[in-house]
Amino acid sequence: MKRTLIFVSFCLLQYAAVAQWAVGLRGGVSSTSITRSQAGRIDETYSSRCGFDLGVNCSYAVAPWLSVRADLAAMQRNHRLQRHLNYLAPVFTDHRNTYLLLPLMADFSFGGTRLRGHLLLGGYAGYWLSHRVKGTTYVMTDYDVFFNPFDEKRAFTSEDRCFNAGLLGGLALSYLLGGQFDLNLDAILYYDLVSHHKGYPQLQDYRYLNTASLTLGVTYRIPQTQQP
């Protein structure tokens, strides 16, 4: 029993020695593609478009090699719809979607004291804040086809699902700048499990976003309180 208490006390002391809070800021770019069911038109294709990814993060080290990290991010998850019939080749729509995301992940780290690698695994929940569309549409008459540009904010409808959730995974590098500051480079893939389109009663038109994010940030390690 005495040995068990000594072992538990030793583990708690080791935990207290490494437990540390850290906060940071990050910013960068995102690239999003869309996975859609076969319900769309055969002449439609989707492609990825870039956007921004800005956020703050907070982490708590529970071991020298493991931290729990939570982010709060404003992210654009943009994509393009393109029509491909001969007379519709100029017709496209760029969807600019802004989301508020709350990723929660385990951060497994490895390497030296100054330069370390990280494996990030977890999930996220989010909310669709705004939807803006820009592109070209057409009007067909008996004699010709006219193409008209547009750029407008689109209101949400009953077919849209604003709640969002999915899985994430990524790799990161951190470099100790000196003192309590780290420079971080994160590459994370966000994979939706919730369609942002509810689908029609007779047409299961589900659409999932897949976003790759590359951000650069700075983290501040909050100094531990010294015990008297």
Protein backbone atom coordinates (compact mmCIF):
# COMPACT_ATOMS: atom_id res chain seq x y z
CA MET A 1 0.00 0.00 0.00
CA LYS A 2 2.82 2.36 0.89
CA ARG A 3 4.56 1.70 -2.44
CA THR A 4 1.31 2.38 -4.28
CA LEU A 5 0.90 5.75 -2.53
CA ILE A 6 4.49 6.65 -3.35
CA PHE A 7 3.96 5.74 -7.02
CA VAL A 8 0.73 7.76 -7.24
CA SER A 9 2.38 10.74 -5.55
CA PHE A 10 5.29 10.54 -7.98
CA CYS A 11 2.91 10.50 -10.95
CA LEU A 12 1.00 13.51 -9.59
CA LEU A 13 4.26 15.42 -9.10
CA GLN A 14 5.28 14.64 -12.68
CA TYR A 15 1.89 15.79 -13.92
CA ALA A 16 2.12 19.03 -11.97
CA ALA A 17 5.61 19.63 -13.38
CA VAL A 18 4.45 19.55 -17.03
CA ALA A 19 0.85 20.81 -16.77
CA GLN A 20 0.76 24.20 -18.47
CA TRP A 21 -1.71 26.49 -20.21
CA ALA A 22 -0.94 28.19 -23.51
CA VAL A 23 -2.88 30.66 -25.66
CA GLY A 24 -2.27 31.77 -29.21
CA LEU A 25 -3.34 33.50 -32.40
CA ARG A 26 -3.19 32.08 -35.90
CA GLY A 27 -4.10 33.05 -39.44
CA GLY A 28 -3.80 31.65 -42.91
CA VAL A 29 -5.64 30.23 -45.89
CA SER A 30 -8.20 27.50 -46.47
CA SER A 31 -9.04 25.49 -49.58
CA THR A 32 -12.43 23.77 -49.77
CA SER A 33 -13.93 21.16 -52.07
CA ILE A 34 -17.44 19.75 -51.90
CA THR A 35 -18.69 16.17 -51.96
CA ARG A 36 -22.19 16.00 -53.42
CA SER A 37 -24.55 13.09 -54.01
CA GLN A 38 -25.51 12.05 -57.53
CA ALA A 39 -28.61 14.22 -57.33
CA GLY A 40 -27.05 17.15 -59.19
CA ARG A 41 -27.21 17.80 -62.93
CA ILE A 42 -24.86 15.75 -65.08
CA ASP A 43 -23.38 18.93 -66.56
CA GLU A 44 -22.37 20.32 -63.14
CA THR A 45 -19.00 19.96 -61.47
CA TYR A 46 -17.63 21.41 -58.25
CA SER A 47 -14.10 22.63 -57.63
CA SER A 48 -12.18 24.03 -54.68
CA ARG A 49 -11.72 27.71 -53.88
CA CYS A 50 -9.49 29.48 -51.38
CA GLY A 51 -10.52 31.54 -48.37
CA PHE A 52 -9.21 32.71 -45.02
CA ASP A 53 -8.82 30.97 -41.66
CA LEU A 54 -8.41 33.20 -38.60
CA GLY A 55 -8.56 32.02 -35.03
CA VAL A 56 -7.45 31.85 -31.44
CA ASN A 57 -6.44 28.70 -29.60
CA CYS A 58 -5.98 27.48 -26.07
CA SER A 59 -4.14 24.33 -25.00
CA TYR A 60 -3.39 22.49 -21.81
CA ALA A 61 -0.37 20.19 -21.54
CA VAL A 62 -1.11 17.04 -19.56
CA ALA A 63 2.19 15.32 -20.41
CA PRO A 64 5.43 16.27 -22.19
CA TRP A 65 4.04 14.61 -25.33
CA LEU A 66 0.28 15.32 -25.03
CA SER A 67 -1.87 18.44 -24.91
CA VAL A 68 -5.59 19.09 -25.20
CA ARG A 69 -6.31 21.98 -27.55
CA ALA A 70 -9.43 23.99 -28.37
CA ASP A 71 -9.70 26.63 -31.13
CA LEU A 72 -12.25 29.27 -32.05
CA ALA A 73 -11.99 30.13 -35.73
CA ALA A 74 -13.69 32.18 -38.42
CA MET A 75 -13.16 30.24 -41.63
CA GLN A 76 -14.21 30.64 -45.22
CA ARG A 77 -15.20 27.33 -46.83
CA ASN A 78 -15.60 28.33 -50.48
CA HIS A 79 -16.28 26.29 -53.61
CA ARG A 80 -17.31 26.77 -57.25
CA LEU A 81 -20.15 25.24 -59.29
CA GLN A 82 -19.41 25.13 -63.02
CA ARG A 83 -21.79 24.30 -65.90
CA HIS A 84 -20.33 22.45 -68.90
CA LEU A 85 -22.81 22.41 -71.77
CA ASN A 86 -21.33 24.15 -74.80
CA TYR A 87 -23.53 27.23 -74.68
CA LEU A 88 -23.32 27.42 -70.87
CA ALA A 89 -19.53 27.25 -70.53
CA PRO A 90 -19.30 30.78 -69.02
CA VAL A 91 -21.93 29.96 -66.37
CA PHE A 92 -20.54 29.43 -62.88
CA THR A 93 -21.27 30.27 -59.25
CA ASP A 94 -18.64 30.89 -56.58
CA HIS A 95 -20.05 30.09 -53.14
CA ARG A 96 -18.33 32.04 -50.35
CA ASN A 97 -19.33 30.47 -47.05
CA THR A 98 -18.17 31.88 -43.71
CA TYR A 99 -18.30 29.54 -40.71
CA LEU A 100 -17.61 29.90 -37.01
CA LEU A 101 -15.84 26.69 -36.00
CA LEU A 102 -14.94 25.22 -32.60
CA PRO A 103 -12.31 22.49 -33.13
CA LEU A 104 -11.32 20.29 -30.17
CA MET A 105 -8.28 18.06 -30.60
CA ALA A 106 -5.58 15.98 -28.96
CA ASP A 107 -2.06 17.25 -29.74
CA PHE A 108 0.57 14.50 -29.74
CA SER A 109 4.06 16.04 -29.92
CA PHE A 110 7.54 14.66 -30.56
CA GLY A 111 11.04 16.01 -31.13
CA GLY A 112 13.50 18.23 -29.33
CA THR A 113 13.19 21.12 -26.92
CA ARG A 114 13.20 23.88 -29.54
CA LEU A 115 11.74 22.23 -32.67
CA ARG A 116 8.85 19.79 -32.29
CA GLY A 117 6.42 17.99 -34.56
CA HIS A 118 2.75 17.50 -33.75
CA LEU A 119 -0.01 15.08 -34.72
CA LEU A 120 -3.47 16.62 -34.32
CA LEU A 121 -6.62 14.46 -34.07
CA GLY A 122 -10.14 15.43 -33.06
CA GLY A 123 -13.45 16.84 -34.16
CA TYR A 124 -15.28 20.13 -34.53
CA ALA A 125 -18.66 21.80 -34.38
CA GLY A 126 -19.58 24.95 -36.21
CA TYR A 127 -22.20 27.37 -37.42
CA TRP A 128 -22.76 28.74 -40.92
CA LEU A 129 -22.65 32.53 -40.51
CA SER A 130 -23.05 33.89 -44.04
CA HIS A 131 -23.42 32.79 -47.65
CA ARG A 132 -22.41 35.00 -50.57
CA VAL A 133 -22.55 34.03 -54.25
CA LYS A 134 -20.75 35.52 -57.23
CA GLY A 135 -20.72 34.37 -60.82
CA THR A 136 -22.50 34.45 -64.15
CA THR A 137 -26.01 33.32 -65.07
CA TYR A 138 -27.78 33.25 -68.43
CA VAL A 139 -31.03 34.26 -70.09
CA MET A 140 -32.06 32.38 -73.24
CA THR A 141 -34.26 33.92 -75.91
CA ASP A 142 -35.47 32.62 -79.27
CA TYR A 143 -32.47 34.19 -80.97
CA ASP A 144 -29.59 34.32 -78.53
CA VAL A 145 -28.20 33.59 -75.05
CA PHE A 146 -27.30 36.49 -72.75
CA PHE A 147 -24.91 36.16 -69.80
CA ASN A 148 -25.32 38.34 -66.74
CA PRO A 149 -22.85 38.69 -63.84
CA PHE A 150 -24.08 38.76 -60.22
CA ASP A 151 -22.58 39.25 -56.77
CA GLU A 152 -24.96 39.11 -53.82
CA LYS A 153 -25.49 37.90 -50.28
CA ARG A 154 -27.87 34.95 -50.20
CA ALA A 155 -30.39 34.49 -47.40
CA PHE A 156 -30.65 31.09 -45.72
CA THR A 157 -33.69 28.97 -46.54
CA SER A 158 -35.42 25.97 -44.98
CA GLU A 159 -33.24 23.74 -47.18
CA ASP A 160 -30.03 24.97 -45.53
CA ARG A 161 -28.58 23.45 -42.36
CA CYS A 162 -26.51 25.99 -40.45
CA PHE A 163 -25.21 23.59 -37.79
CA ASN A 164 -22.00 21.87 -38.84
CA ALA A 165 -19.84 19.10 -37.38
CA GLY A 166 -17.13 16.69 -38.48
CA LEU A 167 -13.71 15.16 -37.92
CA LEU A 168 -10.27 16.73 -38.26
CA GLY A 169 -6.70 15.58 -38.54
CA GLY A 170 -3.46 17.38 -39.20
CA LEU A 171 0.26 17.89 -38.75
CA ALA A 172 2.05 20.83 -37.21
CA LEU A 173 5.50 22.20 -36.43
CA SER A 174 6.38 24.40 -33.47
CA TYR A 175 9.59 26.34 -32.88
CA LEU A 176 10.53 27.87 -29.54
CA LEU A 177 11.37 31.51 -30.26
CA GLY A 178 12.63 32.22 -26.79
CA GLY A 179 11.10 32.94 -23.44
CA GLN A 180 7.49 31.70 -23.45
CA PHE A 181 6.70 32.12 -27.16
CA ASP A 182 6.36 29.46 -29.88
CA LEU A 183 5.99 29.90 -33.64
CA ASN A 184 3.49 27.37 -35.05
CA LEU A 185 2.72 26.10 -38.54
CA ASP A 186 -0.50 24.02 -38.72
CA ALA A 187 -1.85 21.98 -41.64
CA ILE A 188 -5.30 20.59 -40.81
CA LEU A 189 -7.99 18.79 -42.83
CA TYR A 190 -11.64 19.30 -41.80
CA TYR A 191 -14.07 16.60 -43.01
CA ASP A 192 -17.81 17.24 -42.64
CA LEU A 193 -20.13 14.59 -41.24
CA VAL A 194 -23.18 16.87 -41.49
CA SER A 195 -24.55 17.98 -44.86
CA HIS A 196 -25.12 21.72 -45.17
CA HIS A 197 -28.08 20.94 -47.46
CA LYS A 198 -31.02 19.05 -45.94
CA GLY A 199 -32.14 17.49 -49.22
CA TYR A 200 -35.56 17.48 -50.78
CA PRO A 201 -38.22 14.93 -49.71
CA GLN A 202 -37.89 12.98 -52.98
CA LEU A 203 -34.27 13.88 -53.73
CA GLN A 204 -31.53 13.15 -51.22
CA ASP A 205 -29.20 15.91 -52.36
CA TYR A 206 -26.55 15.87 -49.61
CA ARG A 207 -23.49 18.14 -49.76
CA TYR A 208 -20.41 17.89 -47.54
CA LEU A 209 -17.51 20.33 -47.32
CA ASN A 210 -13.88 19.19 -47.09
CA THR A 211 -11.47 21.94 -46.07
CA ALA A 212 -7.67 21.97 -45.92
CA SER A 213 -6.26 24.77 -43.77
CA LEU A 214 -2.70 26.10 -43.57
CA THR A 215 -2.05 28.66 -40.82
CA LEU A 216 0.88 30.38 -39.13
CA GLY A 217 0.57 31.47 -35.52
CA VAL A 218 2.24 32.45 -32.27
CA THR A 219 1.58 30.78 -28.92
CA TYR A 220 2.33 32.12 -25.46
CA ARG A 221 3.01 29.63 -22.69
CA ILE A 222 1.52 30.96 -19.49
CA PRO A 223 4.15 30.66 -16.73
CA GLN A 224 3.33 28.17 -14.03
CA THR A 225 2.64 29.47 -10.56
CA GLN A 226 5.50 28.68 -8.27
CA GLN A 227 4.52 26.79 -5.18
CA PRO A 228 5.91 28.21 -1.89
